[in-house]
Amino acid sequence: MDSIRRWWQARSSHDYPRATRLLITADAGGSNGYRTRSWKTELAALATETGLEITVCHMPPGTSKWNKIEHRLFSHISMNWRGRPLTSNNVIVNSITTTHTGLRVHAERDPGTYDTGIKSLTLTSAPYPCTGTASTGDWNYTLRPQHHDTIGAAEAPRPAGSLPSQSRSGGLRNPELTGMTEPALEALVDQLSQRLDELREHGRSRQRGGDRIRARGAGAKDKLTTADRVLATVLYLRKLGTRDLIAQLFGVNGSTITRAVHQVRPLLAEHGHTVPPSTARFRTPADVTAFLANNSPTKIKSAC
């Protein structure tokens, strides 16, 4: 979906400024399959974001070669790659090029990072306005934009058990959870922010295989802000619960928390910060919610 979003924002919205509808042809399987719930959820979010009525037509199972993209683009990519060692990302992108017969292609690498292991079950509660035809509703359907007061989880799906953003930004900063005052936590975030941003940019540059070609802020957004990465690491090192519990509290998956801890923990050691473990232990997000509501660490101290 990020590829479609970037294509629309960078090119087609300028070529067709008065467009109200978008037609997408897709194969029957894969991440954009007709039975993939997360695909339709993200489509609904894009429809609401752009105001477009998005219609999707899937090739019937076993007929993906009917898709015009297979003939008009993929065949030329295969010929350009033939016998050429794909030694870097730049080589791959530059090999997707124009042809002498008039095909014009613009290709660029997506510098975004995407979590793996996300299950569609976390998105099944997200409503999306999907309507299909009477005979082929599974393969052909339309998603229409919703008003912002009704889109709910379709715009920003949140895994079950995660805390609302207000609780995440405020409640989880509770000194009983972090082991430090809020001013001290803010000072720690300020101290580590610049170094974290430098590490992030260095990692993105290494993934790209070169300098960025777009301005900062373009492309996929990070799941966690810099402040959230520091806060999540502090809570994790406090041993308040498992990694998966911390992930649920922030509305992300476990691998996102793991990356945050790997980035922040060495910086804490460099600056001489130690995070002592807490005596409180939580099993579920409901335990944390109850703790925050009562604001008493003695209410819940169940051992894992």
C-alpha atoms as a PDB file:
ATOM      1  CA  MET A   1       0.000   0.000   0.000  1.00  0.00           C
ATOM      2  CA  ASP A   2       2.889   2.364   0.632  1.00  0.00           C
ATOM      3  CA  SER A   3       3.977   1.840  -2.981  1.00  0.00           C
ATOM      4  CA  ILE A   4       0.544   2.849  -4.237  1.00  0.00           C
ATOM      5  CA  ARG A   5       0.427   5.802  -1.838  1.00  0.00           C
ATOM      6  CA  ARG A   6       3.829   7.065  -2.943  1.00  0.00           C
ATOM      7  CA  TRP A   7       2.908   6.633  -6.618  1.00  0.00           C
ATOM      8  CA  TRP A   8      -0.289   8.618  -6.126  1.00  0.00           C
ATOM      9  CA  GLN A   9       1.349  11.427  -4.149  1.00  0.00           C
ATOM     10  CA  ALA A  10       4.421  11.767  -6.366  1.00  0.00           C
ATOM     11  CA  ARG A  11       2.907  11.390  -9.804  1.00  0.00           C
ATOM     12  CA  SER A  12      -0.717  10.569 -10.446  1.00  0.00           C
ATOM     13  CA  SER A  13      -2.294  13.177  -8.181  1.00  0.00           C
ATOM     14  CA  HIS A  14      -0.511  15.771 -10.346  1.00  0.00           C
ATOM     15  CA  ASP A  15      -1.343  14.077 -13.652  1.00  0.00           C
ATOM     16  CA  TYR A  16      -5.026  13.700 -12.706  1.00  0.00           C
ATOM     17  CA  PRO A  17      -5.831  16.470 -10.202  1.00  0.00           C
ATOM     18  CA  ARG A  18      -9.588  16.063 -10.693  1.00  0.00           C
ATOM     19  CA  ALA A  19      -9.662  12.291 -10.282  1.00  0.00           C
ATOM     20  CA  THR A  20     -12.287  10.887  -7.939  1.00  0.00           C
ATOM     21  CA  ARG A  21     -11.820   7.175  -8.602  1.00  0.00           C
ATOM     22  CA  LEU A  22      -8.892   4.781  -8.796  1.00  0.00           C
ATOM     23  CA  LEU A  23      -8.854   1.330 -10.411  1.00  0.00           C
ATOM     24  CA  ILE A  24      -6.286  -1.242  -9.237  1.00  0.00           C
ATOM     25  CA  THR A  25      -5.717  -4.606 -10.916  1.00  0.00           C
ATOM     26  CA  ALA A  26      -3.987  -7.194  -8.762  1.00  0.00           C
ATOM     27  CA  ASP A  27      -3.192 -10.880  -8.604  1.00  0.00           C
ATOM     28  CA  ALA A  28      -5.332 -13.175  -6.483  1.00  0.00           C
ATOM     29  CA  GLY A  29      -2.747 -14.064  -3.855  1.00  0.00           C
ATOM     30  CA  GLY A  30       0.146 -12.617  -1.914  1.00  0.00           C
ATOM     31  CA  SER A  31       0.095  -9.575   0.356  1.00  0.00           C
ATOM     32  CA  ASN A  32      -2.535  -7.915  -1.855  1.00  0.00           C
ATOM     33  CA  GLY A  33      -4.696 -11.019  -2.270  1.00  0.00           C
ATOM     34  CA  TYR A  34      -8.464 -10.808  -2.373  1.00  0.00           C
ATOM     35  CA  ARG A  35      -8.745 -12.698   0.926  1.00  0.00           C
ATOM     36  CA  THR A  36      -6.183 -10.587   2.810  1.00  0.00           C
ATOM     37  CA  ARG A  37      -7.985  -8.476   5.383  1.00  0.00           C
ATOM     38  CA  SER A  38      -5.059  -6.169   6.119  1.00  0.00           C
ATOM     39  CA  TRP A  39      -4.856  -5.265   2.398  1.00  0.00           C
ATOM     40  CA  LYS A  40      -8.457  -4.077   2.403  1.00  0.00           C
ATOM     41  CA  THR A  41      -7.990  -2.252   5.685  1.00  0.00           C
ATOM     42  CA  GLU A  42      -5.046  -0.298   4.294  1.00  0.00           C
ATOM     43  CA  LEU A  43      -6.988   0.362   1.090  1.00  0.00           C
ATOM     44  CA  ALA A  44      -9.784   1.885   3.171  1.00  0.00           C
ATOM     45  CA  ALA A  45      -7.254   4.094   4.933  1.00  0.00           C
ATOM     46  CA  LEU A  46      -5.867   5.269   1.582  1.00  0.00           C
ATOM     47  CA  ALA A  47      -9.372   5.942   0.255  1.00  0.00           C
ATOM     48  CA  THR A  48     -10.122   8.129   3.270  1.00  0.00           C
ATOM     49  CA  GLU A  49      -6.739   9.860   3.073  1.00  0.00           C
ATOM     50  CA  THR A  50      -7.032  10.734  -0.627  1.00  0.00           C
ATOM     51  CA  GLY A  51     -10.820  11.026  -0.951  1.00  0.00           C
ATOM     52  CA  LEU A  52     -10.718   8.522  -3.824  1.00  0.00           C
ATOM     53  CA  GLU A  53     -13.193   5.756  -4.481  1.00  0.00           C
ATOM     54  CA  ILE A  54     -10.885   2.749  -4.949  1.00  0.00           C
ATOM     55  CA  THR A  55     -12.010  -0.248  -7.011  1.00  0.00           C
ATOM     56  CA  VAL A  56      -9.912  -3.417  -7.051  1.00  0.00           C
ATOM     57  CA  CYS A  57     -10.177  -6.107  -9.729  1.00  0.00           C
ATOM     58  CA  HIS A  58      -8.276  -9.316  -8.951  1.00  0.00           C
ATOM     59  CA  MET A  59      -7.153 -11.762 -11.600  1.00  0.00           C
ATOM     60  CA  PRO A  60      -8.872 -15.101 -10.960  1.00  0.00           C
ATOM     61  CA  PRO A  61      -6.625 -17.649  -9.216  1.00  0.00           C
ATOM     62  CA  GLY A  62      -4.132 -19.175 -11.618  1.00  0.00           C
ATOM     63  CA  THR A  63      -4.386 -16.389 -14.201  1.00  0.00           C
ATOM     64  CA  SER A  64      -1.891 -13.834 -12.905  1.00  0.00           C
ATOM     65  CA  LYS A  65      -0.090 -13.850 -16.280  1.00  0.00           C
ATOM     66  CA  TRP A  66      -3.087 -12.009 -17.691  1.00  0.00           C
ATOM     67  CA  ASN A  67      -2.008  -8.977 -15.706  1.00  0.00           C
ATOM     68  CA  LYS A  68      -0.623  -6.388 -18.142  1.00  0.00           C
ATOM     69  CA  ILE A  69       2.208  -5.485 -15.771  1.00  0.00           C
ATOM     70  CA  GLU A  70       3.602  -8.994 -16.293  1.00  0.00           C
ATOM     71  CA  HIS A  71       4.045  -8.315 -20.025  1.00  0.00           C
ATOM     72  CA  ARG A  72       4.686  -4.574 -20.218  1.00  0.00           C
ATOM     73  CA  LEU A  73       7.264  -4.242 -17.414  1.00  0.00           C
ATOM     74  CA  PHE A  74       8.400  -7.477 -15.783  1.00  0.00           C
ATOM     75  CA  SER A  75       9.590  -9.004 -19.058  1.00  0.00           C
ATOM     76  CA  HIS A  76      11.905  -6.026 -19.703  1.00  0.00           C
ATOM     77  CA  ILE A  77      13.235  -6.189 -16.139  1.00  0.00           C
ATOM     78  CA  SER A  78      14.119  -9.850 -16.656  1.00  0.00           C
ATOM     79  CA  MET A  79      15.981  -9.011 -19.866  1.00  0.00           C
ATOM     80  CA  ASN A  80      17.882  -6.146 -18.239  1.00  0.00           C
ATOM     81  CA  TRP A  81      18.893  -8.313 -15.278  1.00  0.00           C
ATOM     82  CA  ARG A  82      19.990 -11.232 -17.469  1.00  0.00           C
ATOM     83  CA  GLY A  83      23.651 -12.032 -16.859  1.00  0.00           C
ATOM     84  CA  ARG A  84      24.144  -8.975 -14.620  1.00  0.00           C
ATOM     85  CA  PRO A  85      25.308  -9.479 -11.012  1.00  0.00           C
ATOM     86  CA  LEU A  86      22.890  -7.627  -8.733  1.00  0.00           C
ATOM     87  CA  THR A  87      25.593  -6.375  -6.395  1.00  0.00           C
ATOM     88  CA  SER A  88      23.743  -3.426  -4.826  1.00  0.00           C
ATOM     89  CA  ASN A  89      20.370  -1.774  -4.538  1.00  0.00           C
ATOM     90  CA  ASN A  90      21.443   0.922  -6.995  1.00  0.00           C
ATOM     91  CA  VAL A  91      22.269  -1.694  -9.626  1.00  0.00           C
ATOM     92  CA  ILE A  92      18.833  -3.246  -9.200  1.00  0.00           C
ATOM     93  CA  VAL A  93      16.962   0.056  -9.411  1.00  0.00           C
ATOM     94  CA  ASN A  94      18.997   1.360 -12.360  1.00  0.00           C
ATOM     95  CA  SER A  95      18.309  -1.837 -14.267  1.00  0.00           C
ATOM     96  CA  ILE A  96      14.595  -1.055 -14.228  1.00  0.00           C
ATOM     97  CA  THR A  97      14.817   1.452 -17.011  1.00  0.00           C
ATOM     98  CA  THR A  98      13.339   2.639 -20.292  1.00  0.00           C
ATOM     99  CA  THR A  99      13.295   0.681 -23.547  1.00  0.00           C
ATOM    100  CA  HIS A 100      13.987   1.612 -27.178  1.00  0.00           C
ATOM    101  CA  THR A 101      10.363   0.879 -28.101  1.00  0.00           C
ATOM    102  CA  GLY A 102       8.940   3.703 -25.996  1.00  0.00           C
ATOM    103  CA  LEU A 103       8.420   2.277 -22.506  1.00  0.00           C
ATOM    104  CA  ARG A 104       9.280   4.915 -19.889  1.00  0.00           C
ATOM    105  CA  VAL A 105       9.915   3.722 -16.340  1.00  0.00           C
ATOM    106  CA  HIS A 106      10.727   5.622 -13.166  1.00  0.00           C
ATOM    107  CA  ALA A 107      11.983   3.393 -10.351  1.00  0.00           C
ATOM    108  CA  GLU A 108      13.275   4.227  -6.908  1.00  0.00           C
ATOM    109  CA  ARG A 109      14.035   2.259  -3.801  1.00  0.00           C
ATOM    110  CA  ASP A 110      11.685   2.462  -0.854  1.00  0.00           C
ATOM    111  CA  PRO A 111      13.855   3.375   2.166  1.00  0.00           C
ATOM    112  CA  GLY A 112      11.095   2.502   4.625  1.00  0.00           C
ATOM    113  CA  THR A 113      11.249  -0.370   7.093  1.00  0.00           C
ATOM    114  CA  TYR A 114       8.337  -2.739   7.585  1.00  0.00           C
ATOM    115  CA  ASP A 115       7.707  -5.110  10.453  1.00  0.00           C
ATOM    116  CA  THR A 116       7.302  -8.785   9.720  1.00  0.00           C
ATOM    117  CA  GLY A 117       5.042 -11.264  11.456  1.00  0.00           C
ATOM    118  CA  ILE A 118       2.014  -8.961  11.673  1.00  0.00           C
ATOM    119  CA  LYS A 119      -1.092 -11.133  11.702  1.00  0.00           C
ATOM    120  CA  SER A 120      -4.299 -10.083  10.014  1.00  0.00           C
ATOM    121  CA  LEU A 121      -6.158 -11.066  13.163  1.00  0.00           C
ATOM    122  CA  THR A 122      -4.985  -7.797  14.699  1.00  0.00           C
ATOM    123  CA  LEU A 123      -6.873  -5.941  11.979  1.00  0.00           C
ATOM    124  CA  THR A 124     -10.104  -7.933  11.781  1.00  0.00           C
ATOM    125  CA  SER A 125     -11.950  -5.501  14.034  1.00  0.00           C
ATOM    126  CA  ALA A 126     -11.179  -2.592  11.708  1.00  0.00           C
ATOM    127  CA  PRO A 127     -14.295  -1.705   9.732  1.00  0.00           C
ATOM    128  CA  TYR A 128     -13.932  -0.814   6.087  1.00  0.00           C
ATOM    129  CA  PRO A 129     -16.665   0.209   3.621  1.00  0.00           C
ATOM    130  CA  CYS A 130     -16.131  -2.605   1.117  1.00  0.00           C
ATOM    131  CA  THR A 131     -18.822  -3.465  -1.428  1.00  0.00           C
ATOM    132  CA  GLY A 132     -18.579  -6.108  -4.151  1.00  0.00           C
ATOM    133  CA  THR A 133     -20.540  -7.181  -7.159  1.00  0.00           C
ATOM    134  CA  ALA A 134     -23.222  -9.835  -6.956  1.00  0.00           C
ATOM    135  CA  SER A 135     -21.378 -12.426  -9.062  1.00  0.00           C
ATOM    136  CA  THR A 136     -17.682 -11.761  -8.356  1.00  0.00           C
ATOM    137  CA  GLY A 137     -17.685  -9.858  -5.074  1.00  0.00           C
ATOM    138  CA  ASP A 138     -14.573 -11.664  -3.858  1.00  0.00           C
ATOM    139  CA  TRP A 139     -12.454 -10.617  -6.848  1.00  0.00           C
ATOM    140  CA  ASN A 140     -13.989  -7.195  -7.554  1.00  0.00           C
ATOM    141  CA  TYR A 141     -14.860  -4.701  -4.843  1.00  0.00           C
ATOM    142  CA  THR A 142     -14.916  -0.972  -4.118  1.00  0.00           C
ATOM    143  CA  LEU A 143     -13.805   0.928  -1.032  1.00  0.00           C
ATOM    144  CA  ARG A 144     -15.139   4.418  -0.466  1.00  0.00           C
ATOM    145  CA  PRO A 145     -13.709   7.214   1.699  1.00  0.00           C
ATOM    146  CA  GLN A 146     -15.178   7.677   5.155  1.00  0.00           C
ATOM    147  CA  HIS A 147     -15.533  10.720   7.342  1.00  0.00           C
ATOM    148  CA  HIS A 148     -12.754  11.115   9.882  1.00  0.00           C
ATOM    149  CA  ASP A 149     -15.145  10.763  12.790  1.00  0.00           C
ATOM    150  CA  THR A 150     -16.209   7.283  11.656  1.00  0.00           C
ATOM    151  CA  ILE A 151     -13.110   5.622  10.280  1.00  0.00           C
ATOM    152  CA  GLY A 152     -11.856   4.470  13.687  1.00  0.00           C
ATOM    153  CA  ALA A 153      -9.476   1.581  13.402  1.00  0.00           C
ATOM    154  CA  ALA A 154      -9.544   1.575   9.618  1.00  0.00           C
ATOM    155  CA  GLU A 155      -7.328   4.648   9.558  1.00  0.00           C
ATOM    156  CA  ALA A 156      -4.958   3.600  12.315  1.00  0.00           C
ATOM    157  CA  PRO A 157      -5.546  -0.009  13.372  1.00  0.00           C
ATOM    158  CA  ARG A 158      -4.351  -0.715  16.894  1.00  0.00           C
ATOM    159  CA  PRO A 159      -3.643  -4.259  18.062  1.00  0.00           C
ATOM    160  CA  ALA A 160      -5.960  -5.576  20.723  1.00  0.00           C
ATOM    161  CA  GLY A 161      -4.740  -4.709  24.201  1.00  0.00           C
ATOM    162  CA  SER A 162      -2.671  -1.698  23.275  1.00  0.00           C
ATOM    163  CA  LEU A 163      -3.269   1.450  25.237  1.00  0.00           C
ATOM    164  CA  PRO A 164      -4.764   4.614  23.728  1.00  0.00           C
ATOM    165  CA  SER A 165      -2.211   7.197  22.632  1.00  0.00           C
ATOM    166  CA  GLN A 166      -3.140   9.434  25.552  1.00  0.00           C
ATOM    167  CA  SER A 167      -2.327   6.673  28.060  1.00  0.00           C
ATOM    168  CA  ARG A 168       0.777   5.751  26.116  1.00  0.00           C
ATOM    169  CA  SER A 169       2.227   9.252  26.147  1.00  0.00           C
ATOM    170  CA  GLY A 170       1.117  10.116  29.666  1.00  0.00           C
ATOM    171  CA  GLY A 171       0.354   7.081  31.789  1.00  0.00           C
ATOM    172  CA  LEU A 172       3.361   5.003  30.847  1.00  0.00           C
ATOM    173  CA  ARG A 173       5.613   7.848  31.961  1.00  0.00           C
ATOM    174  CA  ASN A 174       4.421   7.267  35.513  1.00  0.00           C
ATOM    175  CA  PRO A 175       7.516   7.407  37.791  1.00  0.00           C
ATOM    176  CA  GLU A 176       6.391   4.155  39.427  1.00  0.00           C
ATOM    177  CA  LEU A 177       6.781   2.467  36.028  1.00  0.00           C
ATOM    178  CA  THR A 178       9.897   4.231  34.714  1.00  0.00           C
ATOM    179  CA  GLY A 179      11.759   4.569  38.007  1.00  0.00           C
ATOM    180  CA  MET A 180      12.490   8.246  37.293  1.00  0.00           C
ATOM    181  CA  THR A 181      10.662  11.527  37.384  1.00  0.00           C
ATOM    182  CA  GLU A 182       9.064  12.864  34.202  1.00  0.00           C
ATOM    183  CA  PRO A 183      11.584  15.760  33.954  1.00  0.00           C
ATOM    184  CA  ALA A 184      14.413  13.241  34.265  1.00  0.00           C
ATOM    185  CA  LEU A 185      12.848  11.111  31.538  1.00  0.00           C
ATOM    186  CA  GLU A 186      12.473  14.144  29.270  1.00  0.00           C
ATOM    187  CA  ALA A 187      16.114  15.057  29.879  1.00  0.00           C
ATOM    188  CA  LEU A 188      17.148  11.504  28.988  1.00  0.00           C
ATOM    189  CA  VAL A 189      15.151  11.648  25.749  1.00  0.00           C
ATOM    190  CA  ASP A 190      16.742  14.979  24.830  1.00  0.00           C
ATOM    191  CA  GLN A 191      20.184  13.582  25.569  1.00  0.00           C
ATOM    192  CA  LEU A 192      19.742  10.535  23.328  1.00  0.00           C
ATOM    193  CA  SER A 193      17.614  12.001  20.519  1.00  0.00           C
ATOM    194  CA  GLN A 194      20.391  13.348  18.313  1.00  0.00           C
ATOM    195  CA  ARG A 195      22.438  10.161  18.525  1.00  0.00           C
ATOM    196  CA  LEU A 196      19.374   7.998  17.817  1.00  0.00           C
ATOM    197  CA  ASP A 197      18.516  10.070  14.756  1.00  0.00           C
ATOM    198  CA  GLU A 198      22.095   9.734  13.496  1.00  0.00           C
ATOM    199  CA  LEU A 199      21.994   5.955  13.932  1.00  0.00           C
ATOM    200  CA  ARG A 200      18.639   5.786  12.165  1.00  0.00           C
ATOM    201  CA  GLU A 201      19.906   7.822   9.199  1.00  0.00           C
ATOM    202  CA  HIS A 202      23.076   5.728   9.000  1.00  0.00           C
ATOM    203  CA  GLY A 203      21.004   2.535   8.938  1.00  0.00           C
ATOM    204  CA  ARG A 204      18.727   3.899   6.229  1.00  0.00           C
ATOM    205  CA  SER A 205      21.747   4.973   4.149  1.00  0.00           C
ATOM    206  CA  ARG A 206      23.264   1.506   4.436  1.00  0.00           C
ATOM    207  CA  GLN A 207      19.982  -0.078   3.343  1.00  0.00           C
ATOM    208  CA  ARG A 208      19.715   2.275   0.367  1.00  0.00           C
ATOM    209  CA  GLY A 209      23.288   1.695  -0.668  1.00  0.00           C
ATOM    210  CA  GLY A 210      23.859   5.425  -1.050  1.00  0.00           C
ATOM    211  CA  ASP A 211      22.639   8.911  -0.248  1.00  0.00           C
ATOM    212  CA  ARG A 212      18.946   9.675   0.048  1.00  0.00           C
ATOM    213  CA  ILE A 213      17.147  10.941  -3.038  1.00  0.00           C
ATOM    214  CA  ARG A 214      14.146  12.364  -1.236  1.00  0.00           C
ATOM    215  CA  ALA A 215      13.723  14.850   1.561  1.00  0.00           C
ATOM    216  CA  ARG A 216      13.585  13.759   5.178  1.00  0.00           C
ATOM    217  CA  GLY A 217      10.121  12.746   6.291  1.00  0.00           C
ATOM    218  CA  ALA A 218       9.118  11.217   2.963  1.00  0.00           C
ATOM    219  CA  GLY A 219       8.211   7.546   2.724  1.00  0.00           C
ATOM    220  CA  ALA A 220       7.101   5.211   5.462  1.00  0.00           C
ATOM    221  CA  LYS A 221       6.952   6.585   8.977  1.00  0.00           C
ATOM    222  CA  ASP A 222       8.531   4.911  11.998  1.00  0.00           C
ATOM    223  CA  LYS A 223       6.241   2.903  14.211  1.00  0.00           C
ATOM    224  CA  LEU A 224       7.662   4.589  17.317  1.00  0.00           C
ATOM    225  CA  THR A 225       8.846   8.128  17.864  1.00  0.00           C
ATOM    226  CA  THR A 226      12.265   8.738  19.395  1.00  0.00           C
ATOM    227  CA  ALA A 227      10.673   9.459  22.769  1.00  0.00           C
ATOM    228  CA  ASP A 228       8.608   6.261  22.557  1.00  0.00           C
ATOM    229  CA  ARG A 229      11.700   4.203  21.729  1.00  0.00           C
ATOM    230  CA  VAL A 230      13.470   5.510  24.817  1.00  0.00           C
ATOM    231  CA  LEU A 231      10.381   5.003  26.983  1.00  0.00           C
ATOM    232  CA  ALA A 232       9.791   1.471  25.662  1.00  0.00           C
ATOM    233  CA  THR A 233      13.419   0.550  26.357  1.00  0.00           C
ATOM    234  CA  VAL A 234      13.239   1.894  29.895  1.00  0.00           C
ATOM    235  CA  LEU A 235      10.059  -0.095  30.589  1.00  0.00           C
ATOM    236  CA  TYR A 236      11.614  -3.206  29.076  1.00  0.00           C
ATOM    237  CA  LEU A 237      14.804  -2.886  31.146  1.00  0.00           C
ATOM    238  CA  ARG A 238      12.669  -2.334  34.235  1.00  0.00           C
ATOM    239  CA  LYS A 239      11.413  -5.917  33.658  1.00  0.00           C
ATOM    240  CA  LEU A 240       7.801  -4.893  34.124  1.00  0.00           C
ATOM    241  CA  GLY A 241       6.694  -7.623  31.744  1.00  0.00           C
ATOM    242  CA  THR A 242       7.604  -9.557  28.646  1.00  0.00           C
ATOM    243  CA  ARG A 243       8.669  -8.024  25.380  1.00  0.00           C
ATOM    244  CA  ASP A 244       5.292  -8.891  23.888  1.00  0.00           C
ATOM    245  CA  LEU A 245       3.512  -7.081  26.712  1.00  0.00           C
ATOM    246  CA  ILE A 246       5.558  -3.923  26.078  1.00  0.00           C
ATOM    247  CA  ALA A 247       4.745  -4.249  22.373  1.00  0.00           C
ATOM    248  CA  GLN A 248       1.023  -4.443  23.109  1.00  0.00           C
ATOM    249  CA  LEU A 249       1.207  -1.342  25.281  1.00  0.00           C
ATOM    250  CA  PHE A 250       2.705   0.631  22.394  1.00  0.00           C
ATOM    251  CA  GLY A 251       0.501  -0.901  19.703  1.00  0.00           C
ATOM    252  CA  VAL A 252       3.365  -2.505  17.752  1.00  0.00           C
ATOM    253  CA  ASN A 253       4.812  -5.991  17.422  1.00  0.00           C
ATOM    254  CA  GLY A 254       7.666  -7.542  19.348  1.00  0.00           C
ATOM    255  CA  SER A 255      10.315  -7.027  16.670  1.00  0.00           C
ATOM    256  CA  THR A 256       9.782  -3.253  16.807  1.00  0.00           C
ATOM    257  CA  ILE A 257      10.472  -3.275  20.554  1.00  0.00           C
ATOM    258  CA  THR A 258      13.531  -5.470  20.019  1.00  0.00           C
ATOM    259  CA  ARG A 259      14.985  -3.004  17.512  1.00  0.00           C
ATOM    260  CA  ALA A 260      14.299  -0.094  19.854  1.00  0.00           C
ATOM    261  CA  VAL A 261      16.062  -1.838  22.737  1.00  0.00           C
ATOM    262  CA  HIS A 262      19.060  -2.696  20.543  1.00  0.00           C
ATOM    263  CA  GLN A 263      19.357   0.960  19.554  1.00  0.00           C
ATOM    264  CA  VAL A 264      18.788   2.603  22.934  1.00  0.00           C
ATOM    265  CA  ARG A 265      20.468   0.257  25.421  1.00  0.00           C
ATOM    266  CA  PRO A 266      24.052   0.831  24.155  1.00  0.00           C
ATOM    267  CA  LEU A 267      23.484   4.596  24.298  1.00  0.00           C
ATOM    268  CA  LEU A 268      22.293   4.319  27.883  1.00  0.00           C
ATOM    269  CA  ALA A 269      25.530   2.524  28.742  1.00  0.00           C
ATOM    270  CA  GLU A 270      27.597   5.139  26.892  1.00  0.00           C
ATOM    271  CA  HIS A 271      26.045   7.922  28.982  1.00  0.00           C
ATOM    272  CA  GLY A 272      26.353   5.976  32.229  1.00  0.00           C
ATOM    273  CA  HIS A 273      22.601   5.495  32.737  1.00  0.00           C
ATOM    274  CA  THR A 274      21.492   2.382  34.575  1.00  0.00           C
ATOM    275  CA  VAL A 275      17.873   1.269  34.700  1.00  0.00           C
ATOM    276  CA  PRO A 276      17.203  -0.718  37.884  1.00  0.00           C
ATOM    277  CA  PRO A 277      14.567  -3.477  37.637  1.00  0.00           C
ATOM    278  CA  SER A 278      11.192  -2.904  39.248  1.00  0.00           C
ATOM    279  CA  THR A 279       9.547  -5.100  41.843  1.00  0.00           C
ATOM    280  CA  ALA A 280       6.235  -4.806  39.997  1.00  0.00           C
ATOM    281  CA  ARG A 281       5.342  -7.393  37.378  1.00  0.00           C
ATOM    282  CA  PHE A 282       2.465  -7.246  34.903  1.00  0.00           C
ATOM    283  CA  ARG A 283       0.996 -10.065  32.883  1.00  0.00           C
ATOM    284  CA  THR A 284      -1.480  -8.296  30.601  1.00  0.00           C
ATOM    285  CA  PRO A 285      -2.246  -4.772  29.361  1.00  0.00           C
ATOM    286  CA  ALA A 286      -5.328  -4.874  31.597  1.00  0.00           C
ATOM    287  CA  ASP A 287      -3.010  -5.104  34.620  1.00  0.00           C
ATOM    288  CA  VAL A 288      -1.166  -1.996  33.484  1.00  0.00           C
ATOM    289  CA  THR A 289      -4.419  -0.182  32.797  1.00  0.00           C
ATOM    290  CA  ALA A 290      -5.703  -1.015  36.270  1.00  0.00           C
ATOM    291  CA  PHE A 291      -2.413   0.115  37.764  1.00  0.00           C
ATOM    292  CA  LEU A 292      -2.585   3.439  35.961  1.00  0.00           C
ATOM    293  CA  ALA A 293      -6.212   3.911  36.981  1.00  0.00           C
ATOM    294  CA  ASN A 294      -5.510   3.268  40.638  1.00  0.00           C
ATOM    295  CA  ASN A 295      -2.090   4.946  40.537  1.00  0.00           C
ATOM    296  CA  SER A 296      -0.895   2.575  43.213  1.00  0.00           C
ATOM    297  CA  PRO A 297       1.988   0.169  42.568  1.00  0.00           C
ATOM    298  CA  THR A 298       0.884  -2.025  45.497  1.00  0.00           C
ATOM    299  CA  LYS A 299      -2.349  -2.951  43.769  1.00  0.00           C
ATOM    300  CA  ILE A 300      -0.660  -5.215  41.247  1.00  0.00           C
ATOM    301  CA  LYS A 301       2.551  -7.048  41.969  1.00  0.00           C
ATOM    302  CA  SER A 302       1.838 -10.442  40.510  1.00  0.00           C
ATOM    303  CA  ALA A 303       4.892 -12.521  39.723  1.00  0.00           C
ATOM    304  CA  CYS A 304       5.321 -13.744  36.156  1.00  0.00           C
END
